[in-house]
Amino acid sequence: MKEHLWDEQRSKEEYRAEYARWAKTYDEELLEEWEYRLPVVLCELFKKYVKNRDAMVLDAGVGTGIAGEVLGKQGYSKLYGLDLSAEMLEQAGRKKIYQGLEEMVLGEELRFPDNHFDVVLSVGTIGLAPKESFDELIRVTRPGGVIVFSIRVTRYEQGGFVEKQRSLEDDGKWKLLERTPAFVGLPGYAPEVLHYGFAYRIL
């Protein structure tokens, strides 16, 4: 079992080492054995609020590009990705669906200009990445753009994310568009673990 999926206390160096070992078998394990539903659910939420197939999209925590593949099949073509794992980025690059891939860490300063992207999508990463990640993701998203992400229900409720997300609303940084009902993201691995999907409009 990949305990790192639930352990937010591990360092980025530990994450890098784990994902380096996992990169080549990641797709097979998640999609075939674990019945990974997060990308499909989040991309449906994404499509609801992002009608423009030419939108410039940042896949934040791109992994091997599973979510990008789903978006690509729906006609979204201007996809860019970031991840802390060079090995995961290598696998994502082989899919030939991203116009750019960068090694960066959520929670740290991102090497993009202000208002650079129309949309941010983050599947299965927020919650492992710190809540402070939102500040940079908002900064690099244009006003009127959208941020869509998933987070485990327990992490949302117990990790300070409720307070952080509300504070960003109170500060006029973003507006909640939708929170999905709780759903199982990995039925073949952890059917007891529930996730929310969120969509916010940047103000």
N, C-alpha and C. Protein backbone atom coordinates (compact mmCIF):
# COMPACT_ATOMS: atom_id res chain seq x y z
N MET A 1 0.83 -1.20 0.00
CA MET A 1 0.00 0.00 0.00
C MET A 1 0.87 1.25 0.00
N LYS A 2 0.46 2.26 -0.73
CA LYS A 2 1.22 3.49 -0.84
C LYS A 2 0.78 4.45 0.27
N GLU A 3 1.41 4.28 1.44
CA GLU A 3 0.98 5.05 2.59
C GLU A 3 1.17 6.55 2.40
N HIS A 4 2.07 6.94 1.48
CA HIS A 4 2.30 8.37 1.24
C HIS A 4 1.05 9.08 0.76
N LEU A 5 0.08 8.34 0.23
CA LEU A 5 -1.16 8.98 -0.22
C LEU A 5 -1.88 9.68 0.92
N TRP A 6 -1.67 9.23 2.14
CA TRP A 6 -2.43 9.76 3.26
C TRP A 6 -1.54 10.49 4.28
N ASP A 7 -0.24 10.47 4.11
CA ASP A 7 0.68 11.01 5.11
C ASP A 7 1.16 12.40 4.70
N GLU A 8 0.50 13.43 5.24
CA GLU A 8 0.86 14.80 4.88
C GLU A 8 2.13 15.27 5.57
N GLN A 9 2.67 14.47 6.47
CA GLN A 9 3.83 14.91 7.24
C GLN A 9 5.16 14.61 6.54
N ARG A 10 5.13 13.86 5.45
CA ARG A 10 6.37 13.53 4.77
C ARG A 10 6.94 14.75 4.08
N SER A 11 8.26 14.80 3.99
CA SER A 11 8.94 15.93 3.36
C SER A 11 8.85 15.82 1.84
N LYS A 12 9.14 16.92 1.17
CA LYS A 12 9.10 16.88 -0.30
C LYS A 12 10.19 15.95 -0.84
N GLU A 13 11.30 15.82 -0.11
CA GLU A 13 12.34 14.90 -0.54
C GLU A 13 11.85 13.45 -0.46
N GLU A 14 11.10 13.12 0.58
CA GLU A 14 10.53 11.77 0.69
C GLU A 14 9.50 11.53 -0.41
N TYR A 15 8.69 12.55 -0.69
CA TYR A 15 7.73 12.40 -1.79
C TYR A 15 8.45 12.18 -3.11
N ARG A 16 9.48 12.98 -3.38
CA ARG A 16 10.23 12.83 -4.63
C ARG A 16 10.78 11.41 -4.78
N ALA A 17 11.36 10.88 -3.72
CA ALA A 17 11.93 9.54 -3.78
C ALA A 17 10.86 8.50 -4.03
N GLU A 18 9.72 8.64 -3.37
CA GLU A 18 8.64 7.67 -3.53
C GLU A 18 8.07 7.71 -4.94
N TYR A 19 7.82 8.91 -5.46
CA TYR A 19 7.25 9.02 -6.80
C TYR A 19 8.25 8.62 -7.87
N ALA A 20 9.53 8.82 -7.62
CA ALA A 20 10.54 8.35 -8.57
C ALA A 20 10.47 6.84 -8.73
N ARG A 21 10.28 6.13 -7.63
CA ARG A 21 10.18 4.67 -7.68
C ARG A 21 8.86 4.22 -8.33
N TRP A 22 7.82 5.03 -8.19
CA TRP A 22 6.48 4.64 -8.58
C TRP A 22 6.11 5.03 -10.01
N ALA A 23 6.85 5.95 -10.60
CA ALA A 23 6.42 6.60 -11.83
C ALA A 23 6.07 5.63 -12.96
N LYS A 24 6.87 4.60 -13.17
CA LYS A 24 6.67 3.71 -14.32
C LYS A 24 5.46 2.80 -14.17
N THR A 25 5.04 2.53 -12.95
CA THR A 25 3.88 1.65 -12.74
C THR A 25 2.64 2.39 -12.23
N TYR A 26 2.75 3.71 -12.13
CA TYR A 26 1.70 4.54 -11.53
C TYR A 26 0.36 4.39 -12.25
N ASP A 27 0.37 4.55 -13.58
CA ASP A 27 -0.88 4.49 -14.33
C ASP A 27 -1.55 3.13 -14.19
N GLU A 28 -0.78 2.10 -14.37
CA GLU A 28 -1.34 0.76 -14.29
C GLU A 28 -1.94 0.49 -12.92
N GLU A 29 -1.23 0.88 -11.88
CA GLU A 29 -1.71 0.62 -10.53
C GLU A 29 -2.97 1.41 -10.22
N LEU A 30 -2.95 2.71 -10.50
CA LEU A 30 -4.11 3.53 -10.16
C LEU A 30 -5.32 3.20 -11.01
N LEU A 31 -5.13 3.08 -12.31
CA LEU A 31 -6.27 2.93 -13.20
C LEU A 31 -6.82 1.51 -13.21
N GLU A 32 -5.95 0.53 -13.20
CA GLU A 32 -6.42 -0.85 -13.34
C GLU A 32 -6.70 -1.51 -11.99
N GLU A 33 -5.87 -1.24 -10.99
CA GLU A 33 -6.04 -1.91 -9.72
C GLU A 33 -6.88 -1.09 -8.74
N TRP A 34 -6.68 0.21 -8.72
CA TRP A 34 -7.32 1.05 -7.71
C TRP A 34 -8.58 1.73 -8.21
N GLU A 35 -8.89 1.60 -9.53
CA GLU A 35 -10.11 2.17 -10.10
C GLU A 35 -10.19 3.68 -9.84
N TYR A 36 -9.14 4.36 -10.19
CA TYR A 36 -8.94 5.79 -9.89
C TYR A 36 -10.01 6.64 -10.55
N ARG A 37 -10.93 7.22 -9.76
CA ARG A 37 -12.06 7.98 -10.26
C ARG A 37 -11.87 9.49 -10.18
N LEU A 38 -10.90 9.94 -9.42
CA LEU A 38 -10.74 11.38 -9.21
C LEU A 38 -10.65 12.18 -10.52
N PRO A 39 -9.82 11.77 -11.49
CA PRO A 39 -9.72 12.59 -12.71
C PRO A 39 -11.04 12.73 -13.45
N VAL A 40 -11.80 11.66 -13.56
CA VAL A 40 -13.06 11.72 -14.30
C VAL A 40 -14.05 12.64 -13.59
N VAL A 41 -14.19 12.49 -12.29
CA VAL A 41 -15.12 13.33 -11.52
C VAL A 41 -14.71 14.79 -11.60
N LEU A 42 -13.41 15.07 -11.42
CA LEU A 42 -12.95 16.46 -11.43
C LEU A 42 -13.03 17.08 -12.82
N CYS A 43 -12.78 16.29 -13.86
CA CYS A 43 -12.86 16.83 -15.20
C CYS A 43 -14.31 17.12 -15.60
N GLU A 44 -15.25 16.38 -15.07
CA GLU A 44 -16.66 16.71 -15.30
C GLU A 44 -17.01 18.04 -14.64
N LEU A 45 -16.50 18.25 -13.43
CA LEU A 45 -16.71 19.53 -12.75
C LEU A 45 -16.03 20.65 -13.54
N PHE A 46 -14.83 20.39 -14.02
CA PHE A 46 -14.07 21.35 -14.82
C PHE A 46 -14.88 21.78 -16.05
N LYS A 47 -15.40 20.82 -16.79
CA LYS A 47 -16.16 21.13 -18.01
C LYS A 47 -17.39 21.98 -17.73
N LYS A 48 -17.96 21.81 -16.57
CA LYS A 48 -19.16 22.57 -16.21
C LYS A 48 -18.88 24.06 -16.17
N TYR A 49 -17.67 24.45 -15.77
CA TYR A 49 -17.35 25.87 -15.59
C TYR A 49 -16.33 26.40 -16.59
N VAL A 50 -15.77 25.52 -17.40
CA VAL A 50 -14.79 25.95 -18.41
C VAL A 50 -15.28 25.47 -19.77
N LYS A 51 -15.98 26.34 -20.48
CA LYS A 51 -16.55 25.97 -21.77
C LYS A 51 -15.55 26.17 -22.92
N ASN A 52 -14.60 27.06 -22.72
CA ASN A 52 -13.65 27.41 -23.78
C ASN A 52 -12.57 26.34 -23.89
N ARG A 53 -12.59 25.58 -24.99
CA ARG A 53 -11.60 24.53 -25.19
C ARG A 53 -10.21 25.08 -25.47
N ASP A 54 -10.11 26.39 -25.74
CA ASP A 54 -8.80 27.02 -25.95
C ASP A 54 -8.25 27.66 -24.68
N ALA A 55 -8.90 27.44 -23.56
CA ALA A 55 -8.41 28.00 -22.30
C ALA A 55 -7.01 27.46 -21.99
N MET A 56 -6.19 28.31 -21.43
CA MET A 56 -4.84 27.94 -21.02
C MET A 56 -4.92 27.34 -19.62
N VAL A 57 -4.61 26.05 -19.50
CA VAL A 57 -4.87 25.26 -18.30
C VAL A 57 -3.57 24.84 -17.64
N LEU A 58 -3.47 25.07 -16.33
CA LEU A 58 -2.37 24.55 -15.53
C LEU A 58 -2.86 23.32 -14.78
N ASP A 59 -2.23 22.19 -15.02
CA ASP A 59 -2.47 20.95 -14.29
C ASP A 59 -1.46 20.92 -13.14
N ALA A 60 -1.91 21.27 -11.95
CA ALA A 60 -1.01 21.47 -10.81
C ALA A 60 -0.92 20.19 -9.99
N GLY A 61 0.25 19.56 -10.03
CA GLY A 61 0.41 18.22 -9.48
C GLY A 61 0.06 17.22 -10.57
N VAL A 62 0.68 17.39 -11.73
CA VAL A 62 0.29 16.68 -12.94
C VAL A 62 0.51 15.18 -12.86
N GLY A 63 1.47 14.74 -12.04
CA GLY A 63 1.77 13.32 -11.99
C GLY A 63 2.18 12.81 -13.35
N THR A 64 1.57 11.72 -13.79
CA THR A 64 1.87 11.15 -15.10
C THR A 64 0.92 11.65 -16.19
N GLY A 65 0.07 12.61 -15.85
CA GLY A 65 -0.80 13.21 -16.85
C GLY A 65 -2.12 12.52 -17.06
N ILE A 66 -2.60 11.79 -16.08
CA ILE A 66 -3.87 11.07 -16.22
C ILE A 66 -5.02 12.05 -16.44
N ALA A 67 -5.09 13.12 -15.64
CA ALA A 67 -6.17 14.10 -15.81
C ALA A 67 -6.05 14.82 -17.14
N GLY A 68 -4.83 15.11 -17.55
CA GLY A 68 -4.63 15.76 -18.84
C GLY A 68 -5.13 14.92 -20.00
N GLU A 69 -4.97 13.62 -19.90
CA GLU A 69 -5.50 12.74 -20.93
C GLU A 69 -7.02 12.85 -21.02
N VAL A 70 -7.67 12.92 -19.87
CA VAL A 70 -9.13 13.05 -19.85
C VAL A 70 -9.54 14.38 -20.49
N LEU A 71 -8.86 15.46 -20.12
CA LEU A 71 -9.19 16.76 -20.70
C LEU A 71 -8.90 16.80 -22.19
N GLY A 72 -7.79 16.20 -22.60
CA GLY A 72 -7.43 16.18 -24.01
C GLY A 72 -8.50 15.51 -24.86
N LYS A 73 -9.08 14.45 -24.35
CA LYS A 73 -10.14 13.75 -25.07
C LYS A 73 -11.41 14.60 -25.17
N GLN A 74 -11.52 15.60 -24.30
CA GLN A 74 -12.68 16.50 -24.33
C GLN A 74 -12.40 17.75 -25.17
N GLY A 75 -11.22 17.82 -25.79
CA GLY A 75 -10.93 18.91 -26.70
C GLY A 75 -10.09 20.04 -26.13
N TYR A 76 -9.68 19.95 -24.86
CA TYR A 76 -8.80 20.98 -24.29
C TYR A 76 -7.37 20.68 -24.73
N SER A 77 -6.72 21.66 -25.33
CA SER A 77 -5.41 21.41 -25.94
C SER A 77 -4.27 22.24 -25.37
N LYS A 78 -4.59 23.35 -24.68
CA LYS A 78 -3.53 24.21 -24.16
C LYS A 78 -3.25 23.84 -22.70
N LEU A 79 -2.59 22.69 -22.54
CA LEU A 79 -2.36 22.13 -21.21
C LEU A 79 -0.90 22.27 -20.82
N TYR A 80 -0.70 22.73 -19.60
CA TYR A 80 0.63 22.86 -19.01
C TYR A 80 0.60 22.16 -17.66
N GLY A 81 1.73 21.63 -17.25
CA GLY A 81 1.74 20.89 -15.99
C GLY A 81 2.94 21.19 -15.14
N LEU A 82 2.75 21.03 -13.83
CA LEU A 82 3.88 21.10 -12.89
C LEU A 82 3.78 19.93 -11.92
N ASP A 83 4.93 19.52 -11.44
CA ASP A 83 5.00 18.45 -10.45
C ASP A 83 6.36 18.52 -9.77
N LEU A 84 6.45 17.97 -8.56
CA LEU A 84 7.74 17.96 -7.86
C LEU A 84 8.63 16.80 -8.30
N SER A 85 8.07 15.85 -9.05
CA SER A 85 8.81 14.64 -9.44
C SER A 85 9.22 14.70 -10.90
N ALA A 86 10.52 14.71 -11.15
CA ALA A 86 11.02 14.69 -12.52
C ALA A 86 10.62 13.41 -13.24
N GLU A 87 10.58 12.30 -12.51
CA GLU A 87 10.22 11.02 -13.12
C GLU A 87 8.75 10.99 -13.54
N MET A 88 7.89 11.57 -12.71
CA MET A 88 6.48 11.67 -13.08
C MET A 88 6.31 12.58 -14.30
N LEU A 89 7.02 13.68 -14.33
CA LEU A 89 6.95 14.59 -15.47
C LEU A 89 7.43 13.92 -16.75
N GLU A 90 8.43 13.07 -16.63
CA GLU A 90 8.91 12.34 -17.81
C GLU A 90 7.81 11.46 -18.38
N GLN A 91 7.08 10.77 -17.50
CA GLN A 91 5.98 9.93 -17.96
C GLN A 91 4.86 10.77 -18.58
N ALA A 92 4.55 11.92 -17.97
CA ALA A 92 3.53 12.81 -18.53
C ALA A 92 3.94 13.31 -19.91
N GLY A 93 5.23 13.62 -20.07
CA GLY A 93 5.71 14.12 -21.35
C GLY A 93 5.58 13.12 -22.47
N ARG A 94 5.68 11.85 -22.16
CA ARG A 94 5.56 10.81 -23.18
C ARG A 94 4.16 10.73 -23.77
N LYS A 95 3.19 11.30 -23.10
CA LYS A 95 1.82 11.26 -23.61
C LYS A 95 1.55 12.32 -24.67
N LYS A 96 2.46 13.26 -24.84
CA LYS A 96 2.38 14.24 -25.92
C LYS A 96 1.10 15.07 -25.87
N ILE A 97 0.65 15.39 -24.67
CA ILE A 97 -0.58 16.18 -24.54
C ILE A 97 -0.34 17.54 -23.90
N TYR A 98 0.85 17.75 -23.33
CA TYR A 98 1.16 19.00 -22.64
C TYR A 98 2.06 19.88 -23.49
N GLN A 99 1.77 21.17 -23.49
CA GLN A 99 2.61 22.11 -24.21
C GLN A 99 3.82 22.53 -23.38
N GLY A 100 3.77 22.29 -22.10
CA GLY A 100 4.92 22.59 -21.23
C GLY A 100 4.79 21.85 -19.92
N LEU A 101 5.91 21.37 -19.40
CA LEU A 101 5.94 20.67 -18.11
C LEU A 101 7.11 21.21 -17.31
N GLU A 102 6.86 21.55 -16.04
CA GLU A 102 7.88 22.18 -15.20
C GLU A 102 7.96 21.48 -13.86
N GLU A 103 9.17 21.34 -13.35
CA GLU A 103 9.38 20.79 -12.01
C GLU A 103 9.27 21.93 -11.00
N MET A 104 8.17 21.94 -10.27
CA MET A 104 7.91 22.95 -9.23
C MET A 104 7.18 22.27 -8.08
N VAL A 105 7.14 22.96 -6.95
CA VAL A 105 6.54 22.40 -5.73
C VAL A 105 5.39 23.29 -5.29
N LEU A 106 4.20 22.72 -5.17
CA LEU A 106 3.07 23.47 -4.64
C LEU A 106 3.33 23.83 -3.18
N GLY A 107 3.02 25.06 -2.84
CA GLY A 107 3.33 25.57 -1.51
C GLY A 107 4.54 26.48 -1.52
N GLU A 108 5.29 26.44 -2.64
CA GLU A 108 6.41 27.34 -2.84
C GLU A 108 6.07 28.31 -3.97
N GLU A 109 6.93 29.31 -4.18
CA GLU A 109 6.70 30.28 -5.26
C GLU A 109 6.74 29.57 -6.60
N LEU A 110 5.76 29.83 -7.45
CA LEU A 110 5.70 29.24 -8.77
C LEU A 110 6.34 30.18 -9.79
N ARG A 111 7.06 29.62 -10.73
CA ARG A 111 7.79 30.43 -11.71
C ARG A 111 6.90 30.76 -12.92
N PHE A 112 5.77 31.39 -12.62
CA PHE A 112 4.87 31.87 -13.65
C PHE A 112 4.51 33.32 -13.34
N PRO A 113 4.23 34.12 -14.37
CA PRO A 113 3.79 35.50 -14.12
C PRO A 113 2.41 35.54 -13.48
N ASP A 114 2.05 36.69 -12.94
CA ASP A 114 0.69 36.91 -12.45
C ASP A 114 -0.30 36.73 -13.60
N ASN A 115 -1.49 36.22 -13.27
CA ASN A 115 -2.61 36.14 -14.23
C ASN A 115 -2.24 35.37 -15.51
N HIS A 116 -1.42 34.35 -15.39
CA HIS A 116 -0.86 33.67 -16.55
C HIS A 116 -1.82 32.64 -17.15
N PHE A 117 -2.59 31.97 -16.32
CA PHE A 117 -3.46 30.88 -16.77
C PHE A 117 -4.93 31.28 -16.69
N ASP A 118 -5.73 30.66 -17.56
CA ASP A 118 -7.17 30.83 -17.50
C ASP A 118 -7.79 29.94 -16.44
N VAL A 119 -7.21 28.76 -16.24
CA VAL A 119 -7.78 27.76 -15.36
C VAL A 119 -6.66 26.98 -14.68
N VAL A 120 -6.91 26.56 -13.45
CA VAL A 120 -6.03 25.61 -12.76
C VAL A 120 -6.87 24.39 -12.39
N LEU A 121 -6.31 23.21 -12.65
CA LEU A 121 -6.90 21.95 -12.23
C LEU A 121 -5.88 21.23 -11.36
N SER A 122 -6.31 20.76 -10.19
CA SER A 122 -5.41 20.01 -9.32
C SER A 122 -6.17 18.79 -8.78
N VAL A 123 -5.75 17.62 -9.23
CA VAL A 123 -6.44 16.37 -8.92
C VAL A 123 -5.58 15.54 -7.96
N GLY A 124 -6.10 15.31 -6.76
CA GLY A 124 -5.42 14.43 -5.82
C GLY A 124 -4.16 14.98 -5.19
N THR A 125 -3.96 16.29 -5.28
CA THR A 125 -2.71 16.88 -4.78
C THR A 125 -2.94 17.83 -3.62
N ILE A 126 -3.98 18.68 -3.71
CA ILE A 126 -4.27 19.59 -2.61
C ILE A 126 -4.62 18.76 -1.37
N GLY A 127 -4.03 19.11 -0.28
CA GLY A 127 -4.18 18.32 0.93
C GLY A 127 -2.88 17.63 1.27
N LEU A 128 -2.25 17.03 0.25
CA LEU A 128 -0.86 16.61 0.41
C LEU A 128 0.02 17.84 0.32
N ALA A 129 -0.26 18.69 -0.66
CA ALA A 129 0.35 20.02 -0.68
C ALA A 129 -0.33 20.89 0.39
N PRO A 130 0.38 21.88 0.93
CA PRO A 130 -0.19 22.68 2.02
C PRO A 130 -1.27 23.64 1.54
N LYS A 131 -2.07 24.10 2.47
CA LYS A 131 -3.15 25.03 2.15
C LYS A 131 -2.64 26.34 1.60
N GLU A 132 -1.38 26.68 1.90
CA GLU A 132 -0.78 27.91 1.37
C GLU A 132 -0.59 27.84 -0.15
N SER A 133 -0.72 26.65 -0.72
CA SER A 133 -0.63 26.51 -2.18
C SER A 133 -1.64 27.39 -2.89
N PHE A 134 -2.79 27.61 -2.27
CA PHE A 134 -3.85 28.39 -2.92
C PHE A 134 -3.38 29.80 -3.27
N ASP A 135 -2.53 30.39 -2.45
CA ASP A 135 -2.12 31.78 -2.69
C ASP A 135 -1.41 31.92 -4.03
N GLU A 136 -0.50 31.01 -4.32
CA GLU A 136 0.22 31.07 -5.59
C GLU A 136 -0.67 30.65 -6.77
N LEU A 137 -1.53 29.67 -6.56
CA LEU A 137 -2.43 29.26 -7.64
C LEU A 137 -3.37 30.39 -8.02
N ILE A 138 -3.85 31.12 -7.03
CA ILE A 138 -4.69 32.29 -7.32
C ILE A 138 -3.89 33.36 -8.05
N ARG A 139 -2.66 33.59 -7.61
CA ARG A 139 -1.84 34.62 -8.24
C ARG A 139 -1.62 34.36 -9.72
N VAL A 140 -1.41 33.12 -10.11
CA VAL A 140 -1.09 32.82 -11.51
C VAL A 140 -2.33 32.63 -12.37
N THR A 141 -3.53 32.76 -11.78
CA THR A 141 -4.78 32.61 -12.52
C THR A 141 -5.40 33.99 -12.74
N ARG A 142 -5.84 34.24 -13.94
CA ARG A 142 -6.38 35.56 -14.28
C ARG A 142 -7.71 35.79 -13.56
N PRO A 143 -8.05 37.05 -13.28
CA PRO A 143 -9.38 37.36 -12.74
C PRO A 143 -10.47 36.86 -13.69
N GLY A 144 -11.46 36.22 -13.14
CA GLY A 144 -12.50 35.61 -13.94
C GLY A 144 -12.22 34.16 -14.28
N GLY A 145 -10.99 33.73 -14.03
CA GLY A 145 -10.62 32.34 -14.26
C GLY A 145 -11.16 31.43 -13.17
N VAL A 146 -10.85 30.16 -13.29
CA VAL A 146 -11.42 29.15 -12.42
C VAL A 146 -10.31 28.25 -11.87
N ILE A 147 -10.45 27.85 -10.60
CA ILE A 147 -9.60 26.85 -10.00
C ILE A 147 -10.48 25.68 -9.57
N VAL A 148 -10.15 24.49 -10.04
CA VAL A 148 -10.88 23.27 -9.72
C VAL A 148 -9.91 22.31 -9.05
N PHE A 149 -10.31 21.74 -7.91
CA PHE A 149 -9.41 20.83 -7.22
C PHE A 149 -10.20 19.84 -6.37
N SER A 150 -9.52 18.76 -6.00
CA SER A 150 -10.09 17.77 -5.09
C SER A 150 -9.31 17.78 -3.79
N ILE A 151 -9.97 17.34 -2.73
CA ILE A 151 -9.32 17.20 -1.43
C ILE A 151 -10.07 16.15 -0.62
N ARG A 152 -9.34 15.36 0.13
CA ARG A 152 -10.00 14.39 1.00
C ARG A 152 -10.83 15.11 2.06
N VAL A 153 -11.98 14.56 2.37
CA VAL A 153 -12.90 15.19 3.32
C VAL A 153 -12.23 15.38 4.68
N THR A 154 -11.52 14.37 5.17
CA THR A 154 -10.88 14.50 6.49
C THR A 154 -9.82 15.58 6.48
N ARG A 155 -9.07 15.67 5.41
CA ARG A 155 -8.02 16.71 5.33
C ARG A 155 -8.65 18.10 5.25
N TYR A 156 -9.72 18.22 4.49
CA TYR A 156 -10.43 19.49 4.38
C TYR A 156 -10.94 19.95 5.74
N GLU A 157 -11.50 19.03 6.49
CA GLU A 157 -12.13 19.38 7.76
C GLU A 157 -11.14 19.56 8.90
N GLN A 158 -10.02 18.84 8.85
CA GLN A 158 -9.10 18.82 9.98
C GLN A 158 -7.74 19.48 9.71
N GLY A 159 -7.49 19.85 8.46
CA GLY A 159 -6.17 20.37 8.12
C GLY A 159 -6.10 21.87 7.95
N GLY A 160 -7.14 22.59 8.37
CA GLY A 160 -7.14 24.04 8.25
C GLY A 160 -7.62 24.55 6.90
N PHE A 161 -8.09 23.65 6.03
CA PHE A 161 -8.51 24.08 4.70
C PHE A 161 -9.86 24.80 4.73
N VAL A 162 -10.76 24.39 5.61
CA VAL A 162 -12.03 25.10 5.73
C VAL A 162 -11.76 26.57 6.01
N GLU A 163 -10.92 26.83 6.98
CA GLU A 163 -10.62 28.20 7.39
C GLU A 163 -9.87 28.96 6.30
N LYS A 164 -8.92 28.31 5.66
CA LYS A 164 -8.14 28.96 4.62
C LYS A 164 -9.01 29.33 3.42
N GLN A 165 -9.84 28.41 2.99
CA GLN A 165 -10.69 28.68 1.83
C GLN A 165 -11.70 29.79 2.13
N ARG A 166 -12.24 29.79 3.35
CA ARG A 166 -13.17 30.85 3.73
C ARG A 166 -12.47 32.20 3.83
N SER A 167 -11.25 32.20 4.33
CA SER A 167 -10.52 33.46 4.47
C SER A 167 -10.23 34.07 3.10
N LEU A 168 -9.95 33.22 2.12
CA LEU A 168 -9.72 33.72 0.76
C LEU A 168 -11.00 34.29 0.17
N GLU A 169 -12.14 33.72 0.51
CA GLU A 169 -13.42 34.31 0.11
C GLU A 169 -13.64 35.65 0.79
N ASP A 170 -13.40 35.67 2.10
CA ASP A 170 -13.61 36.90 2.87
C ASP A 170 -12.70 38.03 2.38
N ASP A 171 -11.52 37.67 1.89
CA ASP A 171 -10.56 38.66 1.39
C ASP A 171 -10.81 39.03 -0.06
N GLY A 172 -11.86 38.48 -0.67
CA GLY A 172 -12.20 38.83 -2.04
C GLY A 172 -11.27 38.25 -3.08
N LYS A 173 -10.62 37.13 -2.76
CA LYS A 173 -9.69 36.51 -3.71
C LYS A 173 -10.41 35.57 -4.68
N TRP A 174 -11.42 34.88 -4.18
CA TRP A 174 -12.18 33.96 -5.02
C TRP A 174 -13.59 33.79 -4.49
N LYS A 175 -14.44 33.19 -5.32
CA LYS A 175 -15.85 32.93 -4.96
C LYS A 175 -16.15 31.47 -5.24
N LEU A 176 -16.77 30.80 -4.27
CA LEU A 176 -17.13 29.40 -4.43
C LEU A 176 -18.22 29.25 -5.49
N LEU A 177 -17.96 28.41 -6.47
CA LEU A 177 -18.96 28.06 -7.48
C LEU A 177 -19.69 26.77 -7.11
N GLU A 178 -18.92 25.80 -6.62
CA GLU A 178 -19.54 24.51 -6.31
C GLU A 178 -18.62 23.67 -5.43
N ARG A 179 -19.24 22.95 -4.51
CA ARG A 179 -18.56 21.85 -3.81
C ARG A 179 -19.38 20.59 -4.08
N THR A 180 -18.76 19.58 -4.61
CA THR A 180 -19.48 18.36 -4.93
C THR A 180 -19.87 17.63 -3.65
N PRO A 181 -20.85 16.75 -3.73
CA PRO A 181 -21.05 15.81 -2.63
C PRO A 181 -19.79 14.95 -2.45
N ALA A 182 -19.60 14.44 -1.26
CA ALA A 182 -18.45 13.57 -1.00
C ALA A 182 -18.56 12.31 -1.87
N PHE A 183 -17.43 11.89 -2.42
CA PHE A 183 -17.41 10.71 -3.28
C PHE A 183 -16.15 9.89 -3.03
N VAL A 184 -16.20 8.64 -3.43
CA VAL A 184 -15.05 7.74 -3.29
C VAL A 184 -14.15 7.92 -4.51
N GLY A 185 -12.90 8.27 -4.27
CA GLY A 185 -11.98 8.53 -5.38
C GLY A 185 -11.18 7.32 -5.82
N LEU A 186 -10.95 6.38 -4.90
CA LEU A 186 -10.14 5.20 -5.18
C LEU A 186 -10.85 3.95 -4.65
N PRO A 187 -11.94 3.55 -5.29
CA PRO A 187 -12.73 2.44 -4.74
C PRO A 187 -11.97 1.12 -4.65
N GLY A 188 -10.98 0.92 -5.51
CA GLY A 188 -10.22 -0.32 -5.46
C GLY A 188 -9.10 -0.33 -4.45
N TYR A 189 -8.86 0.82 -3.82
CA TYR A 189 -7.75 0.95 -2.86
C TYR A 189 -8.25 1.36 -1.49
N ALA A 190 -9.10 2.36 -1.45
CA ALA A 190 -9.55 2.92 -0.17
C ALA A 190 -11.01 3.35 -0.29
N PRO A 191 -11.93 2.39 -0.35
CA PRO A 191 -13.35 2.75 -0.52
C PRO A 191 -13.93 3.52 0.64
N GLU A 192 -13.23 3.54 1.77
CA GLU A 192 -13.72 4.28 2.93
C GLU A 192 -13.31 5.75 2.91
N VAL A 193 -12.42 6.13 2.01
CA VAL A 193 -11.90 7.49 1.96
C VAL A 193 -12.71 8.33 0.98
N LEU A 194 -13.27 9.42 1.48
CA LEU A 194 -14.12 10.29 0.67
C LEU A 194 -13.40 11.56 0.28
N HIS A 195 -13.80 12.11 -0.86
CA HIS A 195 -13.21 13.34 -1.39
C HIS A 195 -14.31 14.33 -1.72
N TYR A 196 -13.95 15.61 -1.70
CA TYR A 196 -14.77 16.68 -2.27
C TYR A 196 -14.09 17.19 -3.53
N GLY A 197 -14.90 17.67 -4.46
CA GLY A 197 -14.41 18.48 -5.56
C GLY A 197 -14.88 19.91 -5.36
N PHE A 198 -13.99 20.87 -5.62
CA PHE A 198 -14.32 22.29 -5.48
C PHE A 198 -14.07 23.02 -6.79
N ALA A 199 -14.90 24.02 -7.07
CA ALA A 199 -14.67 24.96 -8.15
C ALA A 199 -14.83 26.37 -7.61
N TYR A 200 -13.84 27.22 -7.87
CA TYR A 200 -13.86 28.61 -7.43
C TYR A 200 -13.61 29.53 -8.63
N ARG A 201 -14.27 30.69 -8.62
CA ARG A 201 -14.04 31.75 -9.58
C ARG A 201 -13.07 32.75 -8.97
N ILE A 202 -12.02 33.10 -9.71
CA ILE A 202 -11.04 34.08 -9.24
C ILE A 202 -11.60 35.49 -9.44
N LEU A 203 -11.48 36.31 -8.42
CA LEU A 203 -12.04 37.68 -8.46
C LEU A 203 -10.96 38.71 -8.72
